Amino acid sequence: MDKIVLSNLEFYGYHGYFPEENILGQRFKVTIEAYGELSLSHTSGDLDDSVSYVDIYDVVNEVFFSKKYKILEQLGYDIGKAIIDKFFRIKSVQVFVMKPEVPIPVTCDYFGIQQEIKRELISYIGLGSNLGDREGYLNSAIHQLEFNKEIEVTKISKVYETDPFGYEDQGMFLNMVVEVKTSLSPRALLKYCNHIEGNLLRKRDVRWGPRTIDVDILTYDNYTSDEEILTLPHPGITQRAFVLLPLKDVVNDDFEIKGMNIDEMIAKVDKDSVRLFKESLS
């Protein structure tokens, strides 16, 4: 895990519980320790594979002067949350907010708070299997997602049986969608999904061919990407009933892709190839 440090940034602000703090103001010091997956930058030398500490400073500065905070815990949380929201490569942030001169008669280095704010974003993951013990492979994939301490499986769809897609000379698929909360970045989540596929003996001999398991990231919060290795939202979502029907089981009413809600997307696809198989895995 890599760390970006901005140490003892100094500001003059009007935060505090006491009226005189809001009127007279005082010095503050803010230290940021931002942890993330920046390893690509080690070899590429490309800032796009890291996070600019100047950009992090700009976020801290904007939040600090956005309003008057009564307590430091609110200020620290808002700074950390803003960093997490802006930089998808950052997984967690330690925020230290310090008052070097407190309005009480005591000699000290500073009074302050320290907080940790972690990324917990919603991702929807599609699962599919049409070889061997199909239900067993789906169950195992879900258990392996839950095994990762940075992934929490929060919702599980019904199980649907689907006619083969693309390459038709193969058995019926079972398809599901799970909702997860994760602190992993999109690429790290993709790497772990591929790891699960490898554990469950997924082979890629034929495009759209038979497989023990598919573990596909469908969406990752509001993140979008056109990278060849990871396109988000998944380019096939809006055309595939075997994705949309289980997805409807787990998404909220305000879920949208390209301006369409889930019901509008389902209305545009042929649903005859997808049938409910089970209300839940055994």
C-alpha atoms as a PDB file:
ATOM      1  CA  MET A   1       0.000   0.000   0.000  1.00  0.00           C
ATOM      2  CA  ASP A   2       1.410   3.387  -1.023  1.00  0.00           C
ATOM      3  CA  LYS A   3       1.032   6.570   1.008  1.00  0.00           C
ATOM      4  CA  ILE A   4       0.940  10.234   0.006  1.00  0.00           C
ATOM      5  CA  VAL A   5       1.723  12.662   2.844  1.00  0.00           C
ATOM      6  CA  LEU A   6       0.910  16.363   3.148  1.00  0.00           C
ATOM      7  CA  SER A   7       2.370  17.387   6.511  1.00  0.00           C
ATOM      8  CA  ASN A   8       1.381  20.357   8.658  1.00  0.00           C
ATOM      9  CA  LEU A   9      -0.479  22.423   6.085  1.00  0.00           C
ATOM     10  CA  GLU A  10      -1.093  25.743   7.810  1.00  0.00           C
ATOM     11  CA  PHE A  11      -4.333  27.722   7.506  1.00  0.00           C
ATOM     12  CA  TYR A  12      -5.976  30.606   9.288  1.00  0.00           C
ATOM     13  CA  GLY A  13      -9.653  29.912   9.891  1.00  0.00           C
ATOM     14  CA  TYR A  14     -12.719  30.631  11.982  1.00  0.00           C
ATOM     15  CA  HIS A  15     -13.670  27.157  13.177  1.00  0.00           C
ATOM     16  CA  GLY A  16     -14.533  26.328  16.757  1.00  0.00           C
ATOM     17  CA  TYR A  17     -17.263  25.925  19.329  1.00  0.00           C
ATOM     18  CA  PHE A  18     -16.682  29.232  21.139  1.00  0.00           C
ATOM     19  CA  PRO A  19     -18.008  32.513  19.652  1.00  0.00           C
ATOM     20  CA  GLU A  20     -14.624  34.215  19.896  1.00  0.00           C
ATOM     21  CA  GLU A  21     -13.110  31.469  17.699  1.00  0.00           C
ATOM     22  CA  ASN A  22     -15.639  32.249  14.986  1.00  0.00           C
ATOM     23  CA  ILE A  23     -14.908  35.986  15.182  1.00  0.00           C
ATOM     24  CA  LEU A  24     -11.195  36.284  15.873  1.00  0.00           C
ATOM     25  CA  GLY A  25     -10.054  33.081  14.161  1.00  0.00           C
ATOM     26  CA  GLN A  26      -6.841  31.158  14.785  1.00  0.00           C
ATOM     27  CA  ARG A  27      -4.137  29.080  13.159  1.00  0.00           C
ATOM     28  CA  PHE A  28      -4.814  25.470  12.175  1.00  0.00           C
ATOM     29  CA  LYS A  29      -2.518  22.746  10.956  1.00  0.00           C
ATOM     30  CA  VAL A  30      -3.755  19.878   8.805  1.00  0.00           C
ATOM     31  CA  THR A  31      -1.836  16.715   7.957  1.00  0.00           C
ATOM     32  CA  ILE A  32      -3.073  14.256   5.343  1.00  0.00           C
ATOM     33  CA  GLU A  33      -1.937  10.648   4.910  1.00  0.00           C
ATOM     34  CA  ALA A  34      -3.661   9.205   1.844  1.00  0.00           C
ATOM     35  CA  TYR A  35      -3.290   5.457   1.226  1.00  0.00           C
ATOM     36  CA  GLY A  36      -3.909   3.913  -2.159  1.00  0.00           C
ATOM     37  CA  GLU A  37      -2.857   1.639  -4.993  1.00  0.00           C
ATOM     38  CA  LEU A  38      -0.304   3.693  -6.854  1.00  0.00           C
ATOM     39  CA  SER A  39       2.044   0.891  -7.892  1.00  0.00           C
ATOM     40  CA  LEU A  40       1.511   1.454 -11.635  1.00  0.00           C
ATOM     41  CA  SER A  41       3.235   4.813 -11.268  1.00  0.00           C
ATOM     42  CA  HIS A  42       6.387   3.059  -9.975  1.00  0.00           C
ATOM     43  CA  THR A  43       7.183   1.850 -13.489  1.00  0.00           C
ATOM     44  CA  SER A  44       5.155   4.114 -15.783  1.00  0.00           C
ATOM     45  CA  GLY A  45       6.328   7.416 -14.324  1.00  0.00           C
ATOM     46  CA  ASP A  46       2.907   8.742 -15.294  1.00  0.00           C
ATOM     47  CA  LEU A  47       1.024  11.048 -12.919  1.00  0.00           C
ATOM     48  CA  ASP A  48      -2.247   9.563 -14.241  1.00  0.00           C
ATOM     49  CA  ASP A  49      -1.255   6.364 -12.417  1.00  0.00           C
ATOM     50  CA  SER A  50      -0.814   8.228  -9.137  1.00  0.00           C
ATOM     51  CA  VAL A  51      -2.502  11.151  -7.371  1.00  0.00           C
ATOM     52  CA  SER A  52      -1.054  14.658  -7.362  1.00  0.00           C
ATOM     53  CA  TYR A  53      -0.397  15.998  -3.879  1.00  0.00           C
ATOM     54  CA  VAL A  54      -1.126  19.457  -5.310  1.00  0.00           C
ATOM     55  CA  ASP A  55      -4.620  18.274  -6.255  1.00  0.00           C
ATOM     56  CA  ILE A  56      -5.080  16.841  -2.757  1.00  0.00           C
ATOM     57  CA  TYR A  57      -4.033  20.190  -1.276  1.00  0.00           C
ATOM     58  CA  ASP A  58      -6.593  21.960  -3.455  1.00  0.00           C
ATOM     59  CA  VAL A  59      -9.342  19.721  -2.022  1.00  0.00           C
ATOM     60  CA  VAL A  60      -8.208  20.367   1.571  1.00  0.00           C
ATOM     61  CA  ASN A  61      -8.072  24.111   0.926  1.00  0.00           C
ATOM     62  CA  GLU A  62     -11.544  24.163  -0.647  1.00  0.00           C
ATOM     63  CA  VAL A  63     -13.178  22.260   2.217  1.00  0.00           C
ATOM     64  CA  PHE A  64     -11.354  24.228   4.920  1.00  0.00           C
ATOM     65  CA  PHE A  65     -12.722  27.532   3.660  1.00  0.00           C
ATOM     66  CA  SER A  66     -16.139  26.251   2.561  1.00  0.00           C
ATOM     67  CA  LYS A  67     -17.839  27.164   5.865  1.00  0.00           C
ATOM     68  CA  LYS A  68     -17.286  27.641   9.618  1.00  0.00           C
ATOM     69  CA  TYR A  69     -17.147  24.336  11.492  1.00  0.00           C
ATOM     70  CA  LYS A  70     -18.065  24.150  15.170  1.00  0.00           C
ATOM     71  CA  ILE A  71     -16.135  20.977  15.881  1.00  0.00           C
ATOM     72  CA  LEU A  72     -12.956  19.632  14.303  1.00  0.00           C
ATOM     73  CA  GLU A  73     -14.467  16.178  13.799  1.00  0.00           C
ATOM     74  CA  GLN A  74     -16.853  17.602  11.187  1.00  0.00           C
ATOM     75  CA  LEU A  75     -14.061  19.440   9.410  1.00  0.00           C
ATOM     76  CA  GLY A  76     -11.777  16.390   9.389  1.00  0.00           C
ATOM     77  CA  TYR A  77     -14.489  14.076   8.111  1.00  0.00           C
ATOM     78  CA  ASP A  78     -15.476  16.439   5.286  1.00  0.00           C
ATOM     79  CA  ILE A  79     -11.852  16.796   4.195  1.00  0.00           C
ATOM     80  CA  GLY A  80     -11.314  13.021   4.157  1.00  0.00           C
ATOM     81  CA  LYS A  81     -14.627  12.319   2.403  1.00  0.00           C
ATOM     82  CA  ALA A  82     -13.883  14.900  -0.290  1.00  0.00           C
ATOM     83  CA  ILE A  83     -10.495  13.300  -0.987  1.00  0.00           C
ATOM     84  CA  ILE A  84     -12.027   9.814  -1.172  1.00  0.00           C
ATOM     85  CA  ASP A  85     -14.782  11.030  -3.489  1.00  0.00           C
ATOM     86  CA  LYS A  86     -12.421  12.833  -5.893  1.00  0.00           C
ATOM     87  CA  PHE A  87      -9.564  10.334  -6.206  1.00  0.00           C
ATOM     88  CA  PHE A  88     -10.650   6.762  -6.927  1.00  0.00           C
ATOM     89  CA  ARG A  89      -7.089   5.484  -6.401  1.00  0.00           C
ATOM     90  CA  ILE A  90      -7.199   6.543  -2.737  1.00  0.00           C
ATOM     91  CA  LYS A  91      -8.579   3.806  -0.468  1.00  0.00           C
ATOM     92  CA  SER A  92      -8.343   5.491   2.919  1.00  0.00           C
ATOM     93  CA  VAL A  93      -7.292   8.816   4.402  1.00  0.00           C
ATOM     94  CA  GLN A  94      -5.901   9.713   7.799  1.00  0.00           C
ATOM     95  CA  VAL A  95      -6.776  13.332   8.602  1.00  0.00           C
ATOM     96  CA  PHE A  96      -5.124  15.220  11.461  1.00  0.00           C
ATOM     97  CA  VAL A  97      -6.560  18.657  12.328  1.00  0.00           C
ATOM     98  CA  MET A  98      -4.651  20.594  14.967  1.00  0.00           C
ATOM     99  CA  LYS A  99      -5.062  23.874  16.875  1.00  0.00           C
ATOM    100  CA  PRO A 100      -1.607  25.142  17.935  1.00  0.00           C
ATOM    101  CA  GLU A 101      -3.157  27.964  20.013  1.00  0.00           C
ATOM    102  CA  VAL A 102      -6.245  26.900  21.916  1.00  0.00           C
ATOM    103  CA  PRO A 103      -8.337  29.522  23.775  1.00  0.00           C
ATOM    104  CA  ILE A 104      -7.637  28.098  27.230  1.00  0.00           C
ATOM    105  CA  PRO A 105      -4.780  28.844  29.679  1.00  0.00           C
ATOM    106  CA  VAL A 106      -2.507  25.891  29.003  1.00  0.00           C
ATOM    107  CA  THR A 107       0.871  25.329  27.386  1.00  0.00           C
ATOM    108  CA  CYS A 108       0.917  22.566  24.775  1.00  0.00           C
ATOM    109  CA  ASP A 109       2.024  21.734  21.263  1.00  0.00           C
ATOM    110  CA  TYR A 110      -1.532  21.524  19.953  1.00  0.00           C
ATOM    111  CA  PHE A 111      -5.025  20.190  20.534  1.00  0.00           C
ATOM    112  CA  GLY A 112      -6.525  18.243  17.709  1.00  0.00           C
ATOM    113  CA  ILE A 113      -8.246  15.217  16.239  1.00  0.00           C
ATOM    114  CA  GLN A 114      -7.236  12.291  14.073  1.00  0.00           C
ATOM    115  CA  GLN A 115      -9.729  10.446  11.851  1.00  0.00           C
ATOM    116  CA  GLU A 116      -9.639   7.645   9.312  1.00  0.00           C
ATOM    117  CA  ILE A 117     -12.061   7.810   6.395  1.00  0.00           C
ATOM    118  CA  LYS A 118     -12.286   4.701   4.210  1.00  0.00           C
ATOM    119  CA  ARG A 119     -13.653   4.230   0.732  1.00  0.00           C
ATOM    120  CA  GLU A 120     -16.855   2.185   0.756  1.00  0.00           C
ATOM    121  CA  LEU A 121     -18.405   2.375  -2.678  1.00  0.00           C
ATOM    122  CA  ILE A 122     -21.184   0.287  -4.188  1.00  0.00           C
ATOM    123  CA  SER A 123     -20.345  -2.065  -7.036  1.00  0.00           C
ATOM    124  CA  TYR A 124     -22.580  -4.559  -8.829  1.00  0.00           C
ATOM    125  CA  ILE A 125     -20.966  -7.811  -9.925  1.00  0.00           C
ATOM    126  CA  GLY A 126     -22.463 -10.291 -12.377  1.00  0.00           C
ATOM    127  CA  LEU A 127     -21.960 -14.024 -11.861  1.00  0.00           C
ATOM    128  CA  GLY A 128     -22.556 -16.793 -14.374  1.00  0.00           C
ATOM    129  CA  SER A 129     -21.831 -20.511 -14.741  1.00  0.00           C
ATOM    130  CA  ASN A 130     -22.740 -23.289 -17.184  1.00  0.00           C
ATOM    131  CA  LEU A 131     -20.244 -26.064 -16.448  1.00  0.00           C
ATOM    132  CA  GLY A 132     -20.255 -28.713 -13.731  1.00  0.00           C
ATOM    133  CA  ASP A 133     -21.886 -27.854 -10.430  1.00  0.00           C
ATOM    134  CA  ARG A 134     -23.267 -24.505 -11.534  1.00  0.00           C
ATOM    135  CA  GLU A 135     -24.830 -23.628  -8.177  1.00  0.00           C
ATOM    136  CA  GLY A 136     -21.694 -24.713  -6.379  1.00  0.00           C
ATOM    137  CA  TYR A 137     -19.527 -22.410  -8.489  1.00  0.00           C
ATOM    138  CA  LEU A 138     -21.861 -19.463  -7.885  1.00  0.00           C
ATOM    139  CA  ASN A 139     -21.852 -20.133  -4.141  1.00  0.00           C
ATOM    140  CA  SER A 140     -18.086 -20.396  -4.093  1.00  0.00           C
ATOM    141  CA  ALA A 141     -17.665 -17.132  -5.993  1.00  0.00           C
ATOM    142  CA  ILE A 142     -19.873 -15.324  -3.467  1.00  0.00           C
ATOM    143  CA  HIS A 143     -17.981 -16.841  -0.525  1.00  0.00           C
ATOM    144  CA  GLN A 144     -14.667 -15.755  -2.055  1.00  0.00           C
ATOM    145  CA  LEU A 145     -15.951 -12.211  -2.494  1.00  0.00           C
ATOM    146  CA  GLU A 146     -16.961 -12.219   1.180  1.00  0.00           C
ATOM    147  CA  PHE A 147     -13.550 -13.591   2.169  1.00  0.00           C
ATOM    148  CA  ASN A 148     -11.820 -10.386   1.091  1.00  0.00           C
ATOM    149  CA  LYS A 149     -11.789  -8.016   4.074  1.00  0.00           C
ATOM    150  CA  GLU A 150     -12.201  -5.047   1.719  1.00  0.00           C
ATOM    151  CA  ILE A 151     -15.415  -6.410   0.179  1.00  0.00           C
ATOM    152  CA  GLU A 152     -18.799  -6.750   1.873  1.00  0.00           C
ATOM    153  CA  VAL A 153     -21.551  -8.572  -0.006  1.00  0.00           C
ATOM    154  CA  THR A 154     -24.697  -6.607   0.839  1.00  0.00           C
ATOM    155  CA  LYS A 155     -27.362  -7.979  -1.548  1.00  0.00           C
ATOM    156  CA  ILE A 156     -27.767 -11.174  -3.583  1.00  0.00           C
ATOM    157  CA  SER A 157     -30.213 -11.586  -6.462  1.00  0.00           C
ATOM    158  CA  LYS A 158     -32.421 -14.518  -7.350  1.00  0.00           C
ATOM    159  CA  VAL A 159     -30.942 -17.198  -9.609  1.00  0.00           C
ATOM    160  CA  TYR A 160     -31.911 -17.180 -13.295  1.00  0.00           C
ATOM    161  CA  GLU A 161     -31.395 -19.809 -15.979  1.00  0.00           C
ATOM    162  CA  THR A 162     -30.406 -18.415 -19.354  1.00  0.00           C
ATOM    163  CA  ASP A 163     -30.080 -19.710 -22.894  1.00  0.00           C
ATOM    164  CA  PRO A 164     -26.473 -19.536 -24.192  1.00  0.00           C
ATOM    165  CA  PHE A 165     -25.439 -16.125 -25.509  1.00  0.00           C
ATOM    166  CA  GLY A 166     -23.169 -15.649 -28.539  1.00  0.00           C
ATOM    167  CA  TYR A 167     -21.869 -19.230 -28.805  1.00  0.00           C
ATOM    168  CA  GLU A 168     -24.988 -21.427 -28.721  1.00  0.00           C
ATOM    169  CA  ASP A 169     -23.480 -24.946 -28.727  1.00  0.00           C
ATOM    170  CA  GLN A 170     -23.232 -25.188 -24.945  1.00  0.00           C
ATOM    171  CA  GLY A 171     -25.307 -25.755 -21.818  1.00  0.00           C
ATOM    172  CA  MET A 172     -27.693 -23.420 -20.025  1.00  0.00           C
ATOM    173  CA  PHE A 173     -26.254 -20.727 -17.777  1.00  0.00           C
ATOM    174  CA  LEU A 174     -27.175 -19.794 -14.253  1.00  0.00           C
ATOM    175  CA  ASN A 175     -26.869 -16.053 -13.714  1.00  0.00           C
ATOM    176  CA  MET A 176     -26.927 -13.812 -10.660  1.00  0.00           C
ATOM    177  CA  VAL A 177     -25.912 -10.317  -9.558  1.00  0.00           C
ATOM    178  CA  VAL A 178     -24.501  -9.322  -6.175  1.00  0.00           C
ATOM    179  CA  GLU A 179     -24.189  -5.879  -4.649  1.00  0.00           C
ATOM    180  CA  VAL A 180     -20.973  -5.229  -2.747  1.00  0.00           C
ATOM    181  CA  LYS A 181     -19.499  -2.416  -0.695  1.00  0.00           C
ATOM    182  CA  THR A 182     -15.783  -2.158  -1.305  1.00  0.00           C
ATOM    183  CA  SER A 183     -12.759  -0.033  -0.508  1.00  0.00           C
ATOM    184  CA  LEU A 184     -10.864  -1.555  -3.440  1.00  0.00           C
ATOM    185  CA  SER A 185     -10.173   0.589  -6.473  1.00  0.00           C
ATOM    186  CA  PRO A 186     -11.787  -0.477  -9.774  1.00  0.00           C
ATOM    187  CA  ARG A 187      -8.594  -2.133 -11.015  1.00  0.00           C
ATOM    188  CA  ALA A 188      -7.960  -3.886  -7.718  1.00  0.00           C
ATOM    189  CA  LEU A 189     -11.536  -5.182  -7.688  1.00  0.00           C
ATOM    190  CA  LEU A 190     -11.087  -6.436 -11.265  1.00  0.00           C
ATOM    191  CA  LYS A 191      -7.865  -8.179 -10.261  1.00  0.00           C
ATOM    192  CA  TYR A 192      -9.635  -9.919  -7.393  1.00  0.00           C
ATOM    193  CA  CYS A 193     -12.559 -10.972  -9.627  1.00  0.00           C
ATOM    194  CA  ASN A 194     -10.036 -12.481 -12.057  1.00  0.00           C
ATOM    195  CA  HIS A 195      -8.384 -14.199  -9.111  1.00  0.00           C
ATOM    196  CA  ILE A 196     -11.712 -15.826  -8.189  1.00  0.00           C
ATOM    197  CA  GLU A 197     -12.179 -16.988 -11.786  1.00  0.00           C
ATOM    198  CA  GLY A 198      -8.707 -18.543 -11.696  1.00  0.00           C
ATOM    199  CA  ASN A 199      -9.449 -20.293  -8.407  1.00  0.00           C
ATOM    200  CA  LEU A 200     -12.593 -21.775  -9.949  1.00  0.00           C
ATOM    201  CA  LEU A 201     -10.759 -23.003 -13.072  1.00  0.00           C
ATOM    202  CA  ARG A 202     -12.231 -20.523 -15.538  1.00  0.00           C
ATOM    203  CA  LYS A 203     -10.805 -21.079 -19.052  1.00  0.00           C
ATOM    204  CA  ARG A 204     -11.069 -18.667 -21.991  1.00  0.00           C
ATOM    205  CA  ASP A 205     -10.770 -21.032 -24.944  1.00  0.00           C
ATOM    206  CA  VAL A 206     -13.852 -19.807 -26.850  1.00  0.00           C
ATOM    207  CA  ARG A 207     -15.330 -16.307 -26.779  1.00  0.00           C
ATOM    208  CA  TRP A 208     -18.724 -16.485 -25.008  1.00  0.00           C
ATOM    209  CA  GLY A 209     -18.039 -20.204 -24.615  1.00  0.00           C
ATOM    210  CA  PRO A 210     -18.709 -22.508 -21.662  1.00  0.00           C
ATOM    211  CA  ARG A 211     -17.154 -21.594 -18.364  1.00  0.00           C
ATOM    212  CA  THR A 212     -17.165 -22.681 -14.745  1.00  0.00           C
ATOM    213  CA  ILE A 213     -17.634 -19.087 -13.611  1.00  0.00           C
ATOM    214  CA  ASP A 214     -17.899 -15.520 -14.841  1.00  0.00           C
ATOM    215  CA  VAL A 215     -17.216 -12.744 -12.331  1.00  0.00           C
ATOM    216  CA  ASP A 216     -17.823  -9.428 -14.108  1.00  0.00           C
ATOM    217  CA  ILE A 217     -17.860  -5.916 -12.673  1.00  0.00           C
ATOM    218  CA  LEU A 218     -21.035  -4.304 -14.019  1.00  0.00           C
ATOM    219  CA  THR A 219     -20.769  -0.904 -12.329  1.00  0.00           C
ATOM    220  CA  TYR A 220     -18.501   0.741  -9.765  1.00  0.00           C
ATOM    221  CA  ASP A 221     -20.358   3.596  -8.097  1.00  0.00           C
ATOM    222  CA  ASN A 222     -20.490   6.460 -10.647  1.00  0.00           C
ATOM    223  CA  TYR A 223     -17.061   5.647 -12.050  1.00  0.00           C
ATOM    224  CA  THR A 224     -16.723   5.472 -15.836  1.00  0.00           C
ATOM    225  CA  SER A 225     -13.843   4.056 -17.858  1.00  0.00           C
ATOM    226  CA  ASP A 226     -13.147   3.334 -21.526  1.00  0.00           C
ATOM    227  CA  GLU A 227      -9.971   1.340 -20.847  1.00  0.00           C
ATOM    228  CA  GLU A 228      -9.653  -1.888 -22.800  1.00  0.00           C
ATOM    229  CA  ILE A 229      -8.876  -3.801 -19.619  1.00  0.00           C
ATOM    230  CA  LEU A 230     -11.870  -2.387 -17.728  1.00  0.00           C
ATOM    231  CA  THR A 231     -14.818  -0.631 -19.372  1.00  0.00           C
ATOM    232  CA  LEU A 232     -17.376   0.735 -16.898  1.00  0.00           C
ATOM    233  CA  PRO A 233     -20.271   0.557 -16.829  1.00  0.00           C
ATOM    234  CA  HIS A 234     -19.922  -2.872 -18.442  1.00  0.00           C
ATOM    235  CA  PRO A 235     -20.716  -2.350 -22.148  1.00  0.00           C
ATOM    236  CA  GLY A 236     -23.166  -5.277 -22.312  1.00  0.00           C
ATOM    237  CA  ILE A 237     -25.461  -4.338 -19.431  1.00  0.00           C
ATOM    238  CA  THR A 238     -28.172  -2.519 -21.328  1.00  0.00           C
ATOM    239  CA  GLN A 239     -28.549  -5.227 -24.014  1.00  0.00           C
ATOM    240  CA  ARG A 240     -28.575  -8.387 -21.900  1.00  0.00           C
ATOM    241  CA  ALA A 241     -31.664  -9.653 -20.122  1.00  0.00           C
ATOM    242  CA  PHE A 242     -29.605 -12.196 -18.164  1.00  0.00           C
ATOM    243  CA  VAL A 243     -27.826  -9.253 -16.544  1.00  0.00           C
ATOM    244  CA  LEU A 244     -30.735  -6.836 -16.198  1.00  0.00           C
ATOM    245  CA  LEU A 245     -33.256  -9.190 -14.557  1.00  0.00           C
ATOM    246  CA  PRO A 246     -31.017 -10.203 -11.632  1.00  0.00           C
ATOM    247  CA  LEU A 247     -29.686  -6.638 -11.462  1.00  0.00           C
ATOM    248  CA  LYS A 248     -33.226  -5.382 -10.853  1.00  0.00           C
ATOM    249  CA  ASP A 249     -33.392  -7.618  -7.755  1.00  0.00           C
ATOM    250  CA  VAL A 250     -30.597  -5.705  -6.025  1.00  0.00           C
ATOM    251  CA  VAL A 251     -30.538  -2.097  -7.265  1.00  0.00           C
ATOM    252  CA  ASN A 252     -32.389   0.881  -5.818  1.00  0.00           C
ATOM    253  CA  ASP A 253     -35.135   2.730  -7.683  1.00  0.00           C
ATOM    254  CA  ASP A 254     -32.784   5.600  -8.582  1.00  0.00           C
ATOM    255  CA  PHE A 255     -30.276   3.309 -10.358  1.00  0.00           C
ATOM    256  CA  GLU A 256     -29.542   4.590 -13.874  1.00  0.00           C
ATOM    257  CA  ILE A 257     -27.196   3.909 -16.773  1.00  0.00           C
ATOM    258  CA  LYS A 258     -26.947   6.370 -19.659  1.00  0.00           C
ATOM    259  CA  GLY A 259     -30.071   8.134 -18.456  1.00  0.00           C
ATOM    260  CA  MET A 260     -32.229   4.984 -18.342  1.00  0.00           C
ATOM    261  CA  ASN A 261     -33.564   3.386 -15.171  1.00  0.00           C
ATOM    262  CA  ILE A 262     -33.625  -0.362 -14.724  1.00  0.00           C
ATOM    263  CA  ASP A 263     -37.238  -0.807 -15.871  1.00  0.00           C
ATOM    264  CA  GLU A 264     -36.594   1.189 -19.053  1.00  0.00           C
ATOM    265  CA  MET A 265     -33.561  -0.954 -19.838  1.00  0.00           C
ATOM    266  CA  ILE A 266     -35.487  -4.189 -19.238  1.00  0.00           C
ATOM    267  CA  ALA A 267     -38.326  -3.018 -21.489  1.00  0.00           C
ATOM    268  CA  LYS A 268     -35.898  -2.797 -24.437  1.00  0.00           C
ATOM    269  CA  VAL A 269     -34.526  -6.383 -24.288  1.00  0.00           C
ATOM    270  CA  ASP A 270     -35.881  -9.825 -25.211  1.00  0.00           C
ATOM    271  CA  LYS A 271     -36.618 -11.599 -21.929  1.00  0.00           C
ATOM    272  CA  ASP A 272     -37.765 -14.957 -23.394  1.00  0.00           C
ATOM    273  CA  SER A 273     -34.290 -16.479 -23.018  1.00  0.00           C
ATOM    274  CA  VAL A 274     -34.193 -15.888 -19.230  1.00  0.00           C
ATOM    275  CA  ARG A 275     -36.252 -17.773 -16.656  1.00  0.00           C
ATOM    276  CA  LEU A 276     -36.342 -17.720 -12.863  1.00  0.00           C
ATOM    277  CA  PHE A 277     -34.461 -20.774 -11.609  1.00  0.00           C
ATOM    278  CA  LYS A 278     -34.474 -20.278  -7.813  1.00  0.00           C
ATOM    279  CA  GLU A 279     -35.423 -17.600  -5.339  1.00  0.00           C
ATOM    280  CA  SER A 280     -32.016 -18.060  -3.700  1.00  0.00           C
ATOM    281  CA  LEU A 281     -29.026 -20.369  -3.694  1.00  0.00           C
ATOM    282  CA  SER A 282     -29.303 -23.283  -1.278  1.00  0.00           C
END
